[in-house]
Amino acid sequence: MTKISRSKQILSEIELFLNAGKYEDAKVLLSFLDDQGLDRESRLHLLLINVTLDGATPHKDEIDGLRD
């Protein structure tokens, strides 16, 4: 399995967890993606998970970065 298709599979599974409200499980799956190679979609998934679990305040800089 190529790296791209593996990433797409993981993102698909993450989407299922997010839809089911299983944010901790989604966060675990995100850890299998290469942080350096995360695309915009992956970073947005990670931010959504973190904000849902931790609240928006600890991630203010990342949220502000999206606005720019």
N, C-alpha and C. Protein backbone atom coordinates (compact mmCIF):
# COMPACT_ATOMS: atom_id res chain seq x y z
N MET A 1 0.85 -1.17 0.00
CA MET A 1 0.00 0.00 0.00
C MET A 1 0.90 1.23 0.00
N THR A 2 0.61 2.16 -0.89
CA THR A 2 1.43 3.36 -0.96
C THR A 2 1.13 4.27 0.20
N LYS A 3 2.05 5.20 0.43
CA LYS A 3 1.90 6.14 1.54
C LYS A 3 0.64 6.99 1.38
N ILE A 4 0.35 7.41 0.14
CA ILE A 4 -0.82 8.25 -0.10
C ILE A 4 -2.11 7.49 0.17
N SER A 5 -2.21 6.27 -0.33
CA SER A 5 -3.44 5.52 -0.10
C SER A 5 -3.59 5.13 1.37
N ARG A 6 -2.48 4.91 2.05
CA ARG A 6 -2.53 4.62 3.49
C ARG A 6 -3.07 5.84 4.23
N SER A 7 -2.57 7.01 3.86
CA SER A 7 -3.04 8.25 4.50
C SER A 7 -4.52 8.47 4.22
N LYS A 8 -4.94 8.22 2.99
CA LYS A 8 -6.35 8.39 2.64
C LYS A 8 -7.22 7.43 3.44
N GLN A 9 -6.75 6.20 3.63
CA GLN A 9 -7.49 5.21 4.41
C GLN A 9 -7.62 5.67 5.87
N ILE A 10 -6.53 6.16 6.43
CA ILE A 10 -6.55 6.64 7.81
C ILE A 10 -7.50 7.83 7.93
N LEU A 11 -7.45 8.77 6.98
CA LEU A 11 -8.34 9.92 7.02
C LEU A 11 -9.80 9.49 6.92
N SER A 12 -10.07 8.48 6.12
CA SER A 12 -11.43 7.96 5.99
C SER A 12 -11.91 7.38 7.32
N GLU A 13 -11.04 6.64 7.99
CA GLU A 13 -11.39 6.05 9.28
C GLU A 13 -11.55 7.15 10.34
N ILE A 14 -10.71 8.17 10.27
CA ILE A 14 -10.83 9.30 11.19
C ILE A 14 -12.19 9.97 11.02
N GLU A 15 -12.60 10.15 9.78
CA GLU A 15 -13.90 10.76 9.49
C GLU A 15 -15.03 9.95 10.13
N LEU A 16 -14.94 8.64 10.06
CA LEU A 16 -15.96 7.78 10.68
C LEU A 16 -15.98 7.99 12.20
N PHE A 17 -14.81 8.05 12.82
CA PHE A 17 -14.75 8.27 14.26
C PHE A 17 -15.31 9.64 14.63
N LEU A 18 -14.96 10.66 13.84
CA LEU A 18 -15.49 12.00 14.12
C LEU A 18 -17.01 12.03 14.04
N ASN A 19 -17.55 11.39 13.02
CA ASN A 19 -19.00 11.35 12.85
C ASN A 19 -19.69 10.62 13.99
N ALA A 20 -18.97 9.66 14.59
CA ALA A 20 -19.53 8.88 15.70
C ALA A 20 -19.25 9.54 17.05
N GLY A 21 -18.53 10.68 17.04
CA GLY A 21 -18.21 11.36 18.29
C GLY A 21 -17.09 10.70 19.08
N LYS A 22 -16.32 9.86 18.43
CA LYS A 22 -15.22 9.14 19.09
C LYS A 22 -13.91 9.90 18.84
N TYR A 23 -13.78 11.06 19.50
CA TYR A 23 -12.66 11.95 19.25
C TYR A 23 -11.33 11.39 19.73
N GLU A 24 -11.33 10.71 20.85
CA GLU A 24 -10.08 10.11 21.35
C GLU A 24 -9.55 9.08 20.36
N ASP A 25 -10.45 8.26 19.81
CA ASP A 25 -10.04 7.26 18.82
C ASP A 25 -9.51 7.93 17.55
N ALA A 26 -10.17 9.00 17.13
CA ALA A 26 -9.72 9.74 15.95
C ALA A 26 -8.32 10.33 16.19
N LYS A 27 -8.09 10.83 17.38
CA LYS A 27 -6.78 11.41 17.71
C LYS A 27 -5.69 10.36 17.66
N VAL A 28 -6.00 9.16 18.12
CA VAL A 28 -5.03 8.06 18.05
C VAL A 28 -4.67 7.77 16.60
N LEU A 29 -5.67 7.70 15.75
CA LEU A 29 -5.40 7.43 14.34
C LEU A 29 -4.58 8.54 13.70
N LEU A 30 -4.83 9.77 14.07
CA LEU A 30 -4.05 10.88 13.52
C LEU A 30 -2.58 10.75 13.86
N SER A 31 -2.28 10.10 14.97
CA SER A 31 -0.88 9.94 15.36
C SER A 31 -0.12 9.03 14.38
N PHE A 32 -0.84 8.27 13.57
CA PHE A 32 -0.20 7.39 12.59
C PHE A 32 0.19 8.13 11.31
N LEU A 33 -0.29 9.36 11.16
CA LEU A 33 0.09 10.15 10.00
C LEU A 33 1.38 10.90 10.29
N ASP A 34 2.18 11.08 9.30
CA ASP A 34 3.45 11.79 9.42
C ASP A 34 3.18 13.27 9.64
N ASP A 35 3.57 13.79 10.81
CA ASP A 35 3.32 15.20 11.15
C ASP A 35 3.89 16.16 10.12
N GLN A 36 5.06 15.86 9.60
CA GLN A 36 5.69 16.74 8.62
C GLN A 36 4.91 16.73 7.30
N GLY A 37 4.28 15.61 7.01
CA GLY A 37 3.58 15.49 5.74
C GLY A 37 2.09 15.75 5.82
N LEU A 38 1.62 16.24 6.96
CA LEU A 38 0.20 16.48 7.08
C LEU A 38 -0.25 17.57 6.11
N ASP A 39 -1.27 17.26 5.37
CA ASP A 39 -1.83 18.27 4.48
C ASP A 39 -2.84 19.11 5.25
N ARG A 40 -3.41 20.08 4.58
CA ARG A 40 -4.34 21.00 5.23
C ARG A 40 -5.52 20.25 5.83
N GLU A 41 -6.05 19.28 5.11
CA GLU A 41 -7.19 18.51 5.61
C GLU A 41 -6.85 17.78 6.90
N SER A 42 -5.68 17.17 6.94
CA SER A 42 -5.25 16.44 8.13
C SER A 42 -5.07 17.37 9.32
N ARG A 43 -4.46 18.54 9.06
CA ARG A 43 -4.27 19.51 10.14
C ARG A 43 -5.60 20.02 10.67
N LEU A 44 -6.57 20.21 9.77
CA LEU A 44 -7.90 20.64 10.21
C LEU A 44 -8.58 19.56 11.05
N HIS A 45 -8.44 18.31 10.66
CA HIS A 45 -8.98 17.21 11.46
C HIS A 45 -8.37 17.23 12.85
N LEU A 46 -7.06 17.36 12.90
CA LEU A 46 -6.37 17.36 14.19
C LEU A 46 -6.84 18.52 15.05
N LEU A 47 -6.98 19.70 14.45
CA LEU A 47 -7.44 20.86 15.20
C LEU A 47 -8.87 20.65 15.71
N LEU A 48 -9.73 20.10 14.88
CA LEU A 48 -11.10 19.82 15.30
C LEU A 48 -11.13 18.88 16.50
N ILE A 49 -10.33 17.85 16.44
CA ILE A 49 -10.27 16.89 17.53
C ILE A 49 -9.75 17.57 18.80
N ASN A 50 -8.65 18.31 18.67
CA ASN A 50 -8.06 18.96 19.84
C ASN A 50 -9.00 19.98 20.46
N VAL A 51 -9.68 20.77 19.64
CA VAL A 51 -10.61 21.77 20.17
C VAL A 51 -11.79 21.09 20.84
N THR A 52 -12.26 20.00 20.28
CA THR A 52 -13.37 19.28 20.88
C THR A 52 -12.98 18.69 22.23
N LEU A 53 -11.77 18.16 22.31
CA LEU A 53 -11.32 17.53 23.55
C LEU A 53 -10.85 18.53 24.60
N ASP A 54 -10.15 19.59 24.16
CA ASP A 54 -9.49 20.50 25.09
C ASP A 54 -10.15 21.87 25.20
N GLY A 55 -11.04 22.19 24.28
CA GLY A 55 -11.59 23.54 24.22
C GLY A 55 -10.74 24.39 23.29
N ALA A 56 -11.25 25.55 22.94
CA ALA A 56 -10.58 26.40 21.95
C ALA A 56 -9.38 27.17 22.51
N THR A 57 -9.40 27.52 23.78
CA THR A 57 -8.37 28.39 24.34
C THR A 57 -6.95 27.87 24.15
N PRO A 58 -6.65 26.60 24.43
CA PRO A 58 -5.27 26.15 24.25
C PRO A 58 -4.79 26.15 22.79
N HIS A 59 -5.72 26.25 21.87
CA HIS A 59 -5.39 26.15 20.45
C HIS A 59 -5.66 27.45 19.70
N LYS A 60 -5.67 28.55 20.46
CA LYS A 60 -6.00 29.86 19.89
C LYS A 60 -5.08 30.24 18.73
N ASP A 61 -3.78 29.99 18.86
CA ASP A 61 -2.84 30.34 17.80
C ASP A 61 -3.13 29.58 16.50
N GLU A 62 -3.45 28.30 16.63
CA GLU A 62 -3.76 27.51 15.45
C GLU A 62 -5.05 28.01 14.78
N ILE A 63 -6.04 28.34 15.59
CA ILE A 63 -7.31 28.85 15.07
C ILE A 63 -7.08 30.18 14.37
N ASP A 64 -6.30 31.05 15.00
CA ASP A 64 -5.98 32.34 14.39
C ASP A 64 -5.23 32.15 13.08
N GLY A 65 -4.38 31.16 13.03
CA GLY A 65 -3.63 30.86 11.80
C GLY A 65 -4.54 30.48 10.65
N LEU A 66 -5.65 29.84 10.97
CA LEU A 66 -6.61 29.48 9.93
C LEU A 66 -7.31 30.70 9.36
N ARG A 67 -7.45 31.71 10.17
CA ARG A 67 -8.14 32.93 9.74
C ARG A 67 -7.29 33.76 8.78
N ASP A 68 -5.98 33.58 8.84
CA ASP A 68 -5.09 34.39 8.00
C ASP A 68 -5.01 33.90 6.59
